[in-house]
Full PDB file with SEQRES, HELIX, SHEET, SSBOND, CRYST1, ORIGX, SCALE, CONECT and MASTER records, all heavy atoms in Angstrom:
SEQRES   1 A   31  PHE ALA ASP GLY ASP ARG VAL LEU THR ASP ALA GLU ALA          
SEQRES   2 A   31  ALA GLU ILE ALA SER THR SER GLY PHE ILE CYS ILE GLU          
SEQRES   3 A   31  LYS ASN HIS ALA ILE                                          
HELIX    1 AA1 ASP A   10  THR A   19  1                                  10    
CRYST1    1.000    1.000    1.000  90.00  90.00  90.00 P 1           1          
ORIGX1      1.000000  0.000000  0.000000        0.00000                         
ORIGX2      0.000000  1.000000  0.000000        0.00000                         
ORIGX3      0.000000  0.000000  1.000000        0.00000                         
SCALE1      1.000000  0.000000  0.000000        0.00000                         
SCALE2      0.000000  1.000000  0.000000        0.00000                         
SCALE3      0.000000  0.000000  1.000000        0.00000                         
ATOM      1  N   PHE A   1      99.762  99.880  86.859  1.00  0.00           N  
ATOM      2  CA  PHE A   1      99.978 101.114  87.449  1.00  0.00           C  
ATOM      3  C   PHE A   1     101.447 101.684  87.185  1.00  0.00           C  
ATOM      4  O   PHE A   1     102.216 100.887  86.668  1.00  0.00           O  
ATOM      5  CB  PHE A   1      99.831 101.030  89.029  1.00  0.00           C  
ATOM      6  CG  PHE A   1     100.940 100.195  89.443  1.00  0.00           C  
ATOM      7  CD1 PHE A   1     102.242 100.525  89.865  1.00  0.00           C  
ATOM      8  CD2 PHE A   1     100.808  98.692  89.676  1.00  0.00           C  
ATOM      9  CE1 PHE A   1     103.245  99.766  90.305  1.00  0.00           C  
ATOM     10  CE2 PHE A   1     101.795  97.958  90.047  1.00  0.00           C  
ATOM     11  CZ  PHE A   1     103.138  98.413  90.413  1.00  0.00           C  
ATOM     12  N   ALA A   2     101.605 102.964  87.514  1.00  0.00           N  
ATOM     13  CA  ALA A   2     102.869 103.631  87.391  1.00  0.00           C  
ATOM     14  C   ALA A   2     102.941 104.769  88.406  1.00  0.00           C  
ATOM     15  O   ALA A   2     102.021 105.438  88.631  1.00  0.00           O  
ATOM     16  CB  ALA A   2     103.200 104.073  85.888  1.00  0.00           C  
ATOM     17  N   ASP A   3     104.071 104.962  88.931  1.00  0.00           N  
ATOM     18  CA  ASP A   3     104.447 106.270  89.532  1.00  0.00           C  
ATOM     19  C   ASP A   3     105.726 106.721  88.886  1.00  0.00           C  
ATOM     20  O   ASP A   3     106.833 105.980  89.171  1.00  0.00           O  
ATOM     21  CB  ASP A   3     104.717 106.042  91.100  1.00  0.00           C  
ATOM     22  CG  ASP A   3     104.866 107.382  91.784  1.00  0.00           C  
ATOM     23  OD1 ASP A   3     105.666 108.156  91.225  1.00  0.00           O  
ATOM     24  OD2 ASP A   3     104.268 107.558  92.891  1.00  0.00           O  
ATOM     25  N   GLY A   4     105.764 107.733  88.186  1.00  0.00           N  
ATOM     26  CA  GLY A   4     106.906 108.192  87.415  1.00  0.00           C  
ATOM     27  C   GLY A   4     108.113 108.573  88.262  1.00  0.00           C  
ATOM     28  O   GLY A   4     109.170 108.743  87.807  1.00  0.00           O  
ATOM     29  N   ASP A   5     107.838 108.896  89.548  1.00  0.00           N  
ATOM     30  CA  ASP A   5     108.836 109.499  90.385  1.00  0.00           C  
ATOM     31  C   ASP A   5     109.573 108.300  91.151  1.00  0.00           C  
ATOM     32  O   ASP A   5     110.846 108.575  91.441  1.00  0.00           O  
ATOM     33  CB  ASP A   5     108.144 110.394  91.427  1.00  0.00           C  
ATOM     34  CG  ASP A   5     107.695 111.564  90.885  1.00  0.00           C  
ATOM     35  OD1 ASP A   5     108.279 112.038  89.807  1.00  0.00           O  
ATOM     36  OD2 ASP A   5     106.666 112.055  91.394  1.00  0.00           O  
ATOM     37  N   ARG A   6     109.048 107.191  91.492  1.00  0.00           N  
ATOM     38  CA  ARG A   6     109.726 106.367  92.462  1.00  0.00           C  
ATOM     39  C   ARG A   6     109.236 104.899  92.230  1.00  0.00           C  
ATOM     40  O   ARG A   6     108.375 104.603  91.454  1.00  0.00           O  
ATOM     41  CB  ARG A   6     109.309 106.808  93.875  1.00  0.00           C  
ATOM     42  CG  ARG A   6     107.871 106.754  94.070  1.00  0.00           C  
ATOM     43  CD  ARG A   6     107.521 107.106  95.478  1.00  0.00           C  
ATOM     44  NE  ARG A   6     106.071 106.940  95.892  1.00  0.00           N  
ATOM     45  CZ  ARG A   6     105.393 105.863  96.168  1.00  0.00           C  
ATOM     46  NH1 ARG A   6     106.015 104.703  96.337  1.00  0.00           N  
ATOM     47  NH2 ARG A   6     104.126 105.905  96.484  1.00  0.00           N  
ATOM     48  N   VAL A   7     109.914 104.000  93.036  1.00  0.00           N  
ATOM     49  CA  VAL A   7     109.476 102.631  93.025  1.00  0.00           C  
ATOM     50  C   VAL A   7     108.591 102.453  94.183  1.00  0.00           C  
ATOM     51  O   VAL A   7     108.282 103.310  94.972  1.00  0.00           O  
ATOM     52  CB  VAL A   7     110.759 101.726  93.127  1.00  0.00           C  
ATOM     53  CG1 VAL A   7     111.747 101.869  92.139  1.00  0.00           C  
ATOM     54  CG2 VAL A   7     111.554 102.010  94.596  1.00  0.00           C  
ATOM     55  N   LEU A   8     107.921 101.198  94.308  1.00  0.00           N  
ATOM     56  CA  LEU A   8     107.050 100.960  95.317  1.00  0.00           C  
ATOM     57  C   LEU A   8     107.775 100.796  96.709  1.00  0.00           C  
ATOM     58  O   LEU A   8     108.918 100.385  96.752  1.00  0.00           O  
ATOM     59  CB  LEU A   8     106.296  99.602  95.096  1.00  0.00           C  
ATOM     60  CG  LEU A   8     105.429  99.583  93.814  1.00  0.00           C  
ATOM     61  CD1 LEU A   8     104.932  98.037  93.662  1.00  0.00           C  
ATOM     62  CD2 LEU A   8     104.384 100.564  93.889  1.00  0.00           C  
ATOM     63  N   THR A   9     107.083 101.237  97.809  1.00  0.00           N  
ATOM     64  CA  THR A   9     107.544 100.789  99.081  1.00  0.00           C  
ATOM     65  C   THR A   9     107.313  99.361  99.285  1.00  0.00           C  
ATOM     66  O   THR A   9     106.512  98.669  98.591  1.00  0.00           O  
ATOM     67  CB  THR A   9     106.723 101.566 100.113  1.00  0.00           C  
ATOM     68  OG1 THR A   9     105.413 101.210 100.238  1.00  0.00           O  
ATOM     69  CG2 THR A   9     106.884 103.023  99.911  1.00  0.00           C  
ATOM     70  N   ASP A  10     107.912  98.575 100.402  1.00  0.00           N  
ATOM     71  CA  ASP A  10     107.583  97.288 100.651  1.00  0.00           C  
ATOM     72  C   ASP A  10     106.240  97.098 100.964  1.00  0.00           C  
ATOM     73  O   ASP A  10     105.638  96.094 100.463  1.00  0.00           O  
ATOM     74  CB  ASP A  10     108.459  96.821 101.836  1.00  0.00           C  
ATOM     75  CG  ASP A  10     109.965  96.791 101.411  1.00  0.00           C  
ATOM     76  OD1 ASP A  10     110.265  96.833 100.178  1.00  0.00           O  
ATOM     77  OD2 ASP A  10     110.786  96.792 102.380  1.00  0.00           O  
ATOM     78  N   ALA A  11     105.623  97.983 101.590  1.00  0.00           N  
ATOM     79  CA  ALA A  11     104.203  97.749 102.072  1.00  0.00           C  
ATOM     80  C   ALA A  11     103.301  97.863 100.731  1.00  0.00           C  
ATOM     81  O   ALA A  11     102.283  97.140 100.642  1.00  0.00           O  
ATOM     82  CB  ALA A  11     103.720  98.882 103.075  1.00  0.00           C  
ATOM     83  N   GLU A  12     103.445  98.858  99.820  1.00  0.00           N  
ATOM     84  CA  GLU A  12     102.827  98.871  98.589  1.00  0.00           C  
ATOM     85  C   GLU A  12     102.876  97.748  97.762  1.00  0.00           C  
ATOM     86  O   GLU A  12     101.933  97.191  97.244  1.00  0.00           O  
ATOM     87  CB  GLU A  12     103.142 100.079  97.848  1.00  0.00           C  
ATOM     88  CG  GLU A  12     102.732 101.408  98.542  1.00  0.00           C  
ATOM     89  CD  GLU A  12     103.526 102.692  98.019  1.00  0.00           C  
ATOM     90  OE1 GLU A  12     104.497 102.449  97.205  1.00  0.00           O  
ATOM     91  OE2 GLU A  12     103.046 103.824  98.158  1.00  0.00           O  
ATOM     92  N   ALA A  13     104.175  97.227  97.648  1.00  0.00           N  
ATOM     93  CA  ALA A  13     104.344  95.909  96.862  1.00  0.00           C  
ATOM     94  C   ALA A  13     103.495  94.779  97.423  1.00  0.00           C  
ATOM     95  O   ALA A  13     102.990  94.014  96.727  1.00  0.00           O  
ATOM     96  CB  ALA A  13     105.729  95.618  96.723  1.00  0.00           C  
ATOM     97  N   ALA A  14     103.614  94.703  98.704  1.00  0.00           N  
ATOM     98  CA  ALA A  14     102.919  93.550  99.405  1.00  0.00           C  
ATOM     99  C   ALA A  14     101.431  93.651  99.165  1.00  0.00           C  
ATOM    100  O   ALA A  14     100.750  92.654  98.965  1.00  0.00           O  
ATOM    101  CB  ALA A  14     103.350  93.618 100.969  1.00  0.00           C  
ATOM    102  N   GLU A  15     100.940  94.897  99.451  1.00  0.00           N  
ATOM    103  CA  GLU A  15      99.541  95.074  99.223  1.00  0.00           C  
ATOM    104  C   GLU A  15      98.921  94.693  97.810  1.00  0.00           C  
ATOM    105  O   GLU A  15      97.962  94.055  97.714  1.00  0.00           O  
ATOM    106  CB  GLU A  15      99.059  96.398  99.532  1.00  0.00           C  
ATOM    107  CG  GLU A  15      97.559  96.800  99.284  1.00  0.00           C  
ATOM    108  CD  GLU A  15      96.573  95.975 100.115  1.00  0.00           C  
ATOM    109  OE1 GLU A  15      96.950  95.420 101.111  1.00  0.00           O  
ATOM    110  OE2 GLU A  15      95.428  95.772  99.611  1.00  0.00           O  
ATOM    111  N   ILE A  16      99.656  95.260  96.722  1.00  0.00           N  
ATOM    112  CA  ILE A  16      99.263  94.917  95.442  1.00  0.00           C  
ATOM    113  C   ILE A  16      99.393  93.406  95.119  1.00  0.00           C  
ATOM    114  O   ILE A  16      98.396  92.706  94.527  1.00  0.00           O  
ATOM    115  CB  ILE A  16     100.132  95.687  94.422  1.00  0.00           C  
ATOM    116  CG1 ILE A  16      99.783  97.194  94.573  1.00  0.00           C  
ATOM    117  CG2 ILE A  16      99.917  95.298  92.908  1.00  0.00           C  
ATOM    118  CD1 ILE A  16     100.667  98.161  93.703  1.00  0.00           C  
ATOM    119  N   ALA A  17     100.466  92.731  95.566  1.00  0.00           N  
ATOM    120  CA  ALA A  17     100.614  91.368  95.353  1.00  0.00           C  
ATOM    121  C   ALA A  17      99.511  90.518  96.078  1.00  0.00           C  
ATOM    122  O   ALA A  17      99.174  89.383  95.520  1.00  0.00           O  
ATOM    123  CB  ALA A  17     101.973  90.918  95.749  1.00  0.00           C  
ATOM    124  N   SER A  18      99.072  91.076  97.188  1.00  0.00           N  
ATOM    125  CA  SER A  18      97.998  90.238  97.989  1.00  0.00           C  
ATOM    126  C   SER A  18      96.618  90.320  97.087  1.00  0.00           C  
ATOM    127  O   SER A  18      95.745  89.537  97.480  1.00  0.00           O  
ATOM    128  CB  SER A  18      97.846  91.012  99.255  1.00  0.00           C  
ATOM    129  OG  SER A  18      97.109  92.270  99.160  1.00  0.00           O  
ATOM    130  N   THR A  19      96.505  91.133  96.214  1.00  0.00           N  
ATOM    131  CA  THR A  19      95.259  91.275  95.441  1.00  0.00           C  
ATOM    132  C   THR A  19      95.273  90.584  94.099  1.00  0.00           C  
ATOM    133  O   THR A  19      94.116  90.273  93.443  1.00  0.00           O  
ATOM    134  CB  THR A  19      94.781  92.736  95.225  1.00  0.00           C  
ATOM    135  OG1 THR A  19      95.773  93.389  94.376  1.00  0.00           O  
ATOM    136  CG2 THR A  19      94.574  93.450  96.447  1.00  0.00           C  
ATOM    137  N   SER A  20      96.454  90.366  93.518  1.00  0.00           N  
ATOM    138  CA  SER A  20      96.538  89.951  92.181  1.00  0.00           C  
ATOM    139  C   SER A  20      97.864  89.047  91.971  1.00  0.00           C  
ATOM    140  O   SER A  20      98.795  89.421  92.459  1.00  0.00           O  
ATOM    141  CB  SER A  20      96.504  91.093  91.169  1.00  0.00           C  
ATOM    142  OG  SER A  20      96.622  90.744  89.793  1.00  0.00           O  
ATOM    143  N   GLY A  21      97.740  88.182  91.000  1.00  0.00           N  
ATOM    144  CA  GLY A  21      98.854  87.425  90.513  1.00  0.00           C  
ATOM    145  C   GLY A  21      99.178  87.692  89.041  1.00  0.00           C  
ATOM    146  O   GLY A  21      99.956  87.047  88.444  1.00  0.00           O  
ATOM    147  N   PHE A  22      98.560  88.904  88.572  1.00  0.00           N  
ATOM    148  CA  PHE A  22      98.666  89.233  87.143  1.00  0.00           C  
ATOM    149  C   PHE A  22      98.800  90.767  87.028  1.00  0.00           C  
ATOM    150  O   PHE A  22      97.801  91.488  87.271  1.00  0.00           O  
ATOM    151  CB  PHE A  22      97.439  88.820  86.283  1.00  0.00           C  
ATOM    152  CG  PHE A  22      97.596  88.821  84.815  1.00  0.00           C  
ATOM    153  CD1 PHE A  22      98.864  88.824  84.296  1.00  0.00           C  
ATOM    154  CD2 PHE A  22      96.571  88.901  84.034  1.00  0.00           C  
ATOM    155  CE1 PHE A  22      99.010  88.939  82.811  1.00  0.00           C  
ATOM    156  CE2 PHE A  22      96.575  88.965  82.640  1.00  0.00           C  
ATOM    157  CZ  PHE A  22      97.856  88.995  82.087  1.00  0.00           C  
ATOM    158  N   ILE A  23      99.926  91.168  86.817  1.00  0.00           N  
ATOM    159  CA  ILE A  23     100.245  92.712  86.885  1.00  0.00           C  
ATOM    160  C   ILE A  23     100.994  93.088  85.763  1.00  0.00           C  
ATOM    161  O   ILE A  23     101.768  92.539  85.181  1.00  0.00           O  
ATOM    162  CB  ILE A  23     101.135  92.860  88.180  1.00  0.00           C  
ATOM    163  CG1 ILE A  23     100.305  92.592  89.490  1.00  0.00           C  
ATOM    164  CG2 ILE A  23     101.567  94.322  88.386  1.00  0.00           C  
ATOM    165  CD1 ILE A  23     101.148  92.486  90.758  1.00  0.00           C  
ATOM    166  N   CYS A  24     100.658  94.446  85.354  1.00  0.00           N  
ATOM    167  CA  CYS A  24     101.502  95.191  84.349  1.00  0.00           C  
ATOM    168  C   CYS A  24     102.045  96.475  84.985  1.00  0.00           C  
ATOM    169  O   CYS A  24     101.383  97.159  85.693  1.00  0.00           O  
ATOM    170  CB  CYS A  24     100.563  95.494  83.212  1.00  0.00           C  
ATOM    171  SG  CYS A  24     101.599  96.439  81.896  1.00  0.00           S  
ATOM    172  N   ILE A  25     103.431  96.722  84.744  1.00  0.00           N  
ATOM    173  CA  ILE A  25     103.939  97.940  85.120  1.00  0.00           C  
ATOM    174  C   ILE A  25     103.779  98.919  84.024  1.00  0.00           C  
ATOM    175  O   ILE A  25     104.282  98.898  82.891  1.00  0.00           O  
ATOM    176  CB  ILE A  25     105.504  97.698  85.511  1.00  0.00           C  
ATOM    177  CG1 ILE A  25     105.621  96.607  86.317  1.00  0.00           C  
ATOM    178  CG2 ILE A  25     106.126  99.089  86.062  1.00  0.00           C  
ATOM    179  CD1 ILE A  25     104.917  96.733  87.638  1.00  0.00           C  
ATOM    180  N   GLU A  26     102.909 100.029  84.295  1.00  0.00           N  
ATOM    181  CA  GLU A  26     102.732 101.003  83.357  1.00  0.00           C  
ATOM    182  C   GLU A  26     103.845 101.861  82.799  1.00  0.00           C  
ATOM    183  O   GLU A  26     104.931 101.810  83.277  1.00  0.00           O  
ATOM    184  CB  GLU A  26     101.595 101.935  83.882  1.00  0.00           C  
ATOM    185  CG  GLU A  26     101.131 103.093  83.191  1.00  0.00           C  
ATOM    186  CD  GLU A  26     100.216 102.653  81.902  1.00  0.00           C  
ATOM    187  OE1 GLU A  26      99.783 101.512  81.881  1.00  0.00           O  
ATOM    188  OE2 GLU A  26      99.897 103.484  81.105  1.00  0.00           O  
ATOM    189  N   LYS A  27     103.493 102.678  81.780  1.00  0.00           N  
ATOM    190  CA  LYS A  27     104.607 103.197  80.749  1.00  0.00           C  
ATOM    191  C   LYS A  27     105.798 103.886  81.293  1.00  0.00           C  
ATOM    192  O   LYS A  27     106.834 103.779  80.706  1.00  0.00           O  
ATOM    193  CB  LYS A  27     103.884 104.069  79.731  1.00  0.00           C  
ATOM    194  CG  LYS A  27     103.200 105.280  80.326  1.00  0.00           C  
ATOM    195  CD  LYS A  27     102.690 106.197  79.256  1.00  0.00           C  
ATOM    196  CE  LYS A  27     101.221 105.714  78.803  1.00  0.00           C  
ATOM    197  NZ  LYS A  27     100.145 105.686  79.682  1.00  0.00           N  
ATOM    198  N   ASN A  28     105.589 104.644  82.366  1.00  0.00           N  
ATOM    199  CA  ASN A  28     106.630 105.499  83.002  1.00  0.00           C  
ATOM    200  C   ASN A  28     107.130 105.102  84.316  1.00  0.00           C  
ATOM    201  O   ASN A  28     107.694 105.999  85.017  1.00  0.00           O  
ATOM    202  CB  ASN A  28     106.252 106.918  82.631  1.00  0.00           C  
ATOM    203  CG  ASN A  28     105.176 107.373  83.630  1.00  0.00           C  
ATOM    204  OD1 ASN A  28     104.408 106.397  84.014  1.00  0.00           O  
ATOM    205  ND2 ASN A  28     104.995 108.477  84.083  1.00  0.00           N  
ATOM    206  N   HIS A  29     106.857 104.004  84.760  1.00  0.00           N  
ATOM    207  CA  HIS A  29     107.180 103.687  86.179  1.00  0.00           C  
ATOM    208  C   HIS A  29     108.547 103.932  86.563  1.00  0.00           C  
ATOM    209  O   HIS A  29     109.468 103.362  85.976  1.00  0.00           O  
ATOM    210  CB  HIS A  29     106.694 102.395  86.562  1.00  0.00           C  
ATOM    211  CG  HIS A  29     106.776 102.020  87.954  1.00  0.00           C  
ATOM    212  ND1 HIS A  29     105.929 102.688  88.915  1.00  0.00           N  
ATOM    213  CD2 HIS A  29     107.654 101.193  88.745  1.00  0.00           C  
ATOM    214  CE1 HIS A  29     106.316 102.148  90.077  1.00  0.00           C  
ATOM    215  NE2 HIS A  29     107.311 101.314  90.016  1.00  0.00           N  
ATOM    216  N   ALA A  30     108.908 104.707  87.559  1.00  0.00           N  
ATOM    217  CA  ALA A  30     110.036 104.917  88.216  1.00  0.00           C  
ATOM    218  C   ALA A  30     111.229 105.515  87.405  1.00  0.00           C  
ATOM    219  O   ALA A  30     112.449 105.380  87.621  1.00  0.00           O  
ATOM    220  CB  ALA A  30     110.659 103.591  88.829  1.00  0.00           C  
ATOM    221  N   ILE A  31     110.778 106.227  86.196  1.00  0.00           N  
ATOM    222  CA  ILE A  31     111.879 106.739  85.357  1.00  0.00           C  
ATOM    223  C   ILE A  31     112.766 107.757  85.999  1.00  0.00           C  
ATOM    224  O   ILE A  31     113.920 107.977  85.670  1.00  0.00           O  
ATOM    225  CB  ILE A  31     111.372 107.345  83.992  1.00  0.00           C  
ATOM    226  CG1 ILE A  31     110.186 108.320  84.243  1.00  0.00           C  
ATOM    227  CG2 ILE A  31     110.703 106.164  83.202  1.00  0.00           C  
ATOM    228  CD1 ILE A  31     109.903 109.076  83.071  1.00  0.00           C  
TER     229      ILE A  31                                                      
MASTER        0    0    0    1    0    0    0    6  228    1    0    3          
END                                                                             
């Protein structure tokens, strides 16, 4: 995933980590 505008909130990071142990940060994240 990516959000070009911002970083994840704490809740978003926790939710994604709860579903997967294998993640890729997409091309333009938080630029």
